[in-house]
Amino acid sequence: MQNGNEPREVGDAEFLGLARDEAKARMLRKMMQNLSKGDADDPLAELARDVISGRRGIREALDSMPRDESLDTRFDAFQQRWDATSESDRLAAERESTAYLAEQHREIRAEREAAAHTGATPPRHRARG
């Protein structure tokens, strides 16, 4: 339970509208948590902090984010690395992401089953990210 001094964090449900799948919503929340730990001057980290704290929804944050040369540069670098990736590496990445999403589904099911056995409400998200 949070006290008044702890910052609020949104749960998986906040991302369902965008992700349309519980496991993908959980993955997106975890990504936002990781991004939010970035440098104070990093526009992506600031966006993630706004989203994970509930100050803004993810769509609102993305729509209102100003164009930033550093973001363009980072995206371009990612795109170049992806384009240079071999077909076998891309397939391996796809298998890894499929396995990760399956693990998130198992985690969600286990939380629900545990909550059903105890009569408690399932957590909105796991604390350990």
C-alpha atoms as a PDB file:
ATOM      1  CA  MET A   1       0.000   0.000   0.000  1.00  0.00           C
ATOM      2  CA  GLN A   2       1.333   3.424  -0.902  1.00  0.00           C
ATOM      3  CA  ASN A   3       1.591   6.241   1.549  1.00  0.00           C
ATOM      4  CA  GLY A   4       1.199   9.904   0.675  1.00  0.00           C
ATOM      5  CA  ASN A   5       4.966  10.349   0.206  1.00  0.00           C
ATOM      6  CA  GLU A   6       5.460   7.653  -2.420  1.00  0.00           C
ATOM      7  CA  PRO A   7       4.934   8.574  -6.058  1.00  0.00           C
ATOM      8  CA  ARG A   8       1.964   6.964  -7.761  1.00  0.00           C
ATOM      9  CA  GLU A   9       2.707   4.505 -10.537  1.00  0.00           C
ATOM     10  CA  VAL A  10       0.238   3.429 -13.149  1.00  0.00           C
ATOM     11  CA  GLY A  11      -0.541  -0.238 -13.665  1.00  0.00           C
ATOM     12  CA  ASP A  12      -0.745  -2.469 -16.713  1.00  0.00           C
ATOM     13  CA  ALA A  13      -4.353  -1.429 -17.324  1.00  0.00           C
ATOM     14  CA  GLU A  14      -3.217   2.085 -18.251  1.00  0.00           C
ATOM     15  CA  PHE A  15      -1.571   0.634 -21.374  1.00  0.00           C
ATOM     16  CA  LEU A  16      -4.331  -1.735 -22.512  1.00  0.00           C
ATOM     17  CA  GLY A  17      -5.912   0.777 -24.874  1.00  0.00           C
ATOM     18  CA  LEU A  18      -2.686   1.060 -26.817  1.00  0.00           C
ATOM     19  CA  ALA A  19      -1.370  -2.490 -26.434  1.00  0.00           C
ATOM     20  CA  ARG A  20      -4.745  -4.308 -26.721  1.00  0.00           C
ATOM     21  CA  ASP A  21      -3.283  -7.333 -24.958  1.00  0.00           C
ATOM     22  CA  GLU A  22      -2.519  -7.792 -21.257  1.00  0.00           C
ATOM     23  CA  ALA A  23       0.983  -9.148 -21.798  1.00  0.00           C
ATOM     24  CA  LYS A  24       1.876  -6.379 -24.248  1.00  0.00           C
ATOM     25  CA  ALA A  25       0.456  -3.802 -21.838  1.00  0.00           C
ATOM     26  CA  ARG A  26       2.657  -5.224 -19.075  1.00  0.00           C
ATOM     27  CA  MET A  27       5.670  -5.176 -21.370  1.00  0.00           C
ATOM     28  CA  LEU A  28       4.968  -1.554 -22.301  1.00  0.00           C
ATOM     29  CA  ARG A  29       4.643  -0.581 -18.632  1.00  0.00           C
ATOM     30  CA  LYS A  30       7.958  -2.239 -17.838  1.00  0.00           C
ATOM     31  CA  MET A  31       9.589  -0.469 -20.779  1.00  0.00           C
ATOM     32  CA  MET A  32       8.254   2.868 -19.531  1.00  0.00           C
ATOM     33  CA  GLN A  33       9.570   2.104 -16.034  1.00  0.00           C
ATOM     34  CA  ASN A  34      13.026   1.387 -17.439  1.00  0.00           C
ATOM     35  CA  LEU A  35      12.988   4.487 -19.638  1.00  0.00           C
ATOM     36  CA  SER A  36      11.860   6.644 -16.714  1.00  0.00           C
ATOM     37  CA  LYS A  37      15.135   5.893 -14.921  1.00  0.00           C
ATOM     38  CA  GLY A  38      17.104   7.720 -17.623  1.00  0.00           C
ATOM     39  CA  ASP A  39      18.936  11.014 -17.496  1.00  0.00           C
ATOM     40  CA  ALA A  40      16.970  14.078 -16.368  1.00  0.00           C
ATOM     41  CA  ASP A  41      17.747  15.821 -19.676  1.00  0.00           C
ATOM     42  CA  ASP A  42      16.638  12.897 -21.831  1.00  0.00           C
ATOM     43  CA  PRO A  43      13.297  13.705 -23.487  1.00  0.00           C
ATOM     44  CA  LEU A  44      12.343  10.003 -23.646  1.00  0.00           C
ATOM     45  CA  ALA A  45      13.036   9.575 -19.936  1.00  0.00           C
ATOM     46  CA  GLU A  46      10.896  12.628 -19.158  1.00  0.00           C
ATOM     47  CA  LEU A  47       8.084  11.293 -21.344  1.00  0.00           C
ATOM     48  CA  ALA A  48       8.298   7.939 -19.545  1.00  0.00           C
ATOM     49  CA  ARG A  49       8.257   9.616 -16.115  1.00  0.00           C
ATOM     50  CA  ASP A  50       5.129  11.556 -17.083  1.00  0.00           C
ATOM     51  CA  VAL A  51       3.423   8.391 -18.324  1.00  0.00           C
ATOM     52  CA  ILE A  52       4.459   6.054 -15.516  1.00  0.00           C
ATOM     53  CA  SER A  53       3.427   8.611 -12.873  1.00  0.00           C
ATOM     54  CA  GLY A  54       0.023   9.073 -14.492  1.00  0.00           C
ATOM     55  CA  ARG A  55       0.548  12.779 -15.196  1.00  0.00           C
ATOM     56  CA  ARG A  56      -0.193  12.086 -18.875  1.00  0.00           C
ATOM     57  CA  GLY A  57      -1.429   9.163 -20.914  1.00  0.00           C
ATOM     58  CA  ILE A  58       1.034   7.604 -23.339  1.00  0.00           C
ATOM     59  CA  ARG A  59      -0.794   8.858 -26.433  1.00  0.00           C
ATOM     60  CA  GLU A  60      -1.033  12.378 -25.032  1.00  0.00           C
ATOM     61  CA  ALA A  61       2.662  12.331 -24.106  1.00  0.00           C
ATOM     62  CA  LEU A  62       3.704  11.136 -27.567  1.00  0.00           C
ATOM     63  CA  ASP A  63       1.427  13.615 -29.359  1.00  0.00           C
ATOM     64  CA  SER A  64       2.676  16.568 -27.342  1.00  0.00           C
ATOM     65  CA  MET A  65       6.357  15.652 -27.468  1.00  0.00           C
ATOM     66  CA  PRO A  66       8.354  18.195 -29.460  1.00  0.00           C
ATOM     67  CA  ARG A  67      10.567  16.953 -32.245  1.00  0.00           C
ATOM     68  CA  ASP A  68      14.045  16.515 -30.877  1.00  0.00           C
ATOM     69  CA  GLU A  69      17.192  15.969 -32.889  1.00  0.00           C
ATOM     70  CA  SER A  70      18.587  13.530 -30.320  1.00  0.00           C
ATOM     71  CA  LEU A  71      15.465  11.365 -30.630  1.00  0.00           C
ATOM     72  CA  ASP A  72      15.661  11.449 -34.423  1.00  0.00           C
ATOM     73  CA  THR A  73      19.324  10.453 -34.235  1.00  0.00           C
ATOM     74  CA  ARG A  74      18.579   7.596 -31.842  1.00  0.00           C
ATOM     75  CA  PHE A  75      15.708   6.344 -33.970  1.00  0.00           C
ATOM     76  CA  ASP A  76      17.825   6.534 -37.124  1.00  0.00           C
ATOM     77  CA  ALA A  77      20.622   4.581 -35.410  1.00  0.00           C
ATOM     78  CA  PHE A  78      18.136   1.928 -34.293  1.00  0.00           C
ATOM     79  CA  GLN A  79      16.673   1.703 -37.812  1.00  0.00           C
ATOM     80  CA  GLN A  80      20.136   1.299 -39.329  1.00  0.00           C
ATOM     81  CA  ARG A  81      21.033  -1.477 -36.851  1.00  0.00           C
ATOM     82  CA  TRP A  82      17.723  -3.230 -37.548  1.00  0.00           C
ATOM     83  CA  ASP A  83      18.181  -2.926 -41.313  1.00  0.00           C
ATOM     84  CA  ALA A  84      21.661  -4.441 -40.965  1.00  0.00           C
ATOM     85  CA  THR A  85      20.370  -7.364 -38.913  1.00  0.00           C
ATOM     86  CA  SER A  86      20.418 -10.724 -40.650  1.00  0.00           C
ATOM     87  CA  GLU A  87      17.209 -12.630 -41.301  1.00  0.00           C
ATOM     88  CA  SER A  88      18.253 -15.317 -38.813  1.00  0.00           C
ATOM     89  CA  ASP A  89      18.889 -12.688 -36.114  1.00  0.00           C
ATOM     90  CA  ARG A  90      15.510 -11.102 -36.807  1.00  0.00           C
ATOM     91  CA  LEU A  91      13.832 -14.512 -36.469  1.00  0.00           C
ATOM     92  CA  ALA A  92      15.722 -15.100 -33.214  1.00  0.00           C
ATOM     93  CA  ALA A  93      14.517 -11.717 -31.914  1.00  0.00           C
ATOM     94  CA  GLU A  94      10.958 -12.639 -32.892  1.00  0.00           C
ATOM     95  CA  ARG A  95      11.217 -15.969 -31.040  1.00  0.00           C
ATOM     96  CA  GLU A  96      12.635 -14.198 -27.993  1.00  0.00           C
ATOM     97  CA  SER A  97       9.837 -11.622 -27.966  1.00  0.00           C
ATOM     98  CA  THR A  98       7.210 -14.353 -28.379  1.00  0.00           C
ATOM     99  CA  ALA A  99       8.707 -16.238 -25.431  1.00  0.00           C
ATOM    100  CA  TYR A 100       8.796 -13.044 -23.362  1.00  0.00           C
ATOM    101  CA  LEU A 101       5.120 -12.305 -24.064  1.00  0.00           C
ATOM    102  CA  ALA A 102       4.215 -15.901 -23.161  1.00  0.00           C
ATOM    103  CA  GLU A 103       6.056 -15.449 -19.853  1.00  0.00           C
ATOM    104  CA  GLN A 104       4.102 -12.250 -19.196  1.00  0.00           C
ATOM    105  CA  HIS A 105       0.837 -14.134 -19.863  1.00  0.00           C
ATOM    106  CA  ARG A 106       1.926 -16.868 -17.415  1.00  0.00           C
ATOM    107  CA  GLU A 107       2.805 -14.218 -14.814  1.00  0.00           C
ATOM    108  CA  ILE A 108      -0.617 -12.585 -15.154  1.00  0.00           C
ATOM    109  CA  ARG A 109      -2.417 -15.948 -14.893  1.00  0.00           C
ATOM    110  CA  ALA A 110      -0.377 -16.906 -11.814  1.00  0.00           C
ATOM    111  CA  GLU A 111      -1.193 -13.584 -10.135  1.00  0.00           C
ATOM    112  CA  ARG A 112      -4.907 -14.088 -10.826  1.00  0.00           C
ATOM    113  CA  GLU A 113      -4.846 -17.670  -9.549  1.00  0.00           C
ATOM    114  CA  ALA A 114      -3.006 -16.637  -6.387  1.00  0.00           C
ATOM    115  CA  ALA A 115      -5.485 -13.810  -5.815  1.00  0.00           C
ATOM    116  CA  ALA A 116      -8.424 -16.175  -6.361  1.00  0.00           C
ATOM    117  CA  HIS A 117      -7.050 -18.596  -3.751  1.00  0.00           C
ATOM    118  CA  THR A 118      -6.584 -15.849  -1.185  1.00  0.00           C
ATOM    119  CA  GLY A 119      -9.688 -13.886  -2.116  1.00  0.00           C
ATOM    120  CA  ALA A 120      -7.550 -10.819  -2.758  1.00  0.00           C
ATOM    121  CA  THR A 121      -7.644  -8.521  -5.753  1.00  0.00           C
ATOM    122  CA  PRO A 122      -4.836  -9.304  -8.254  1.00  0.00           C
ATOM    123  CA  PRO A 123      -2.075  -6.682  -8.325  1.00  0.00           C
ATOM    124  CA  ARG A 124      -2.179  -4.051 -11.047  1.00  0.00           C
ATOM    125  CA  HIS A 125       1.447  -4.852 -11.761  1.00  0.00           C
ATOM    126  CA  ARG A 126       4.382  -6.589 -10.190  1.00  0.00           C
ATOM    127  CA  ALA A 127       6.654  -4.482  -8.041  1.00  0.00           C
ATOM    128  CA  ARG A 128       9.908  -5.823  -9.397  1.00  0.00           C
ATOM    129  CA  GLY A 129       9.491  -4.660 -13.053  1.00  0.00           C
END
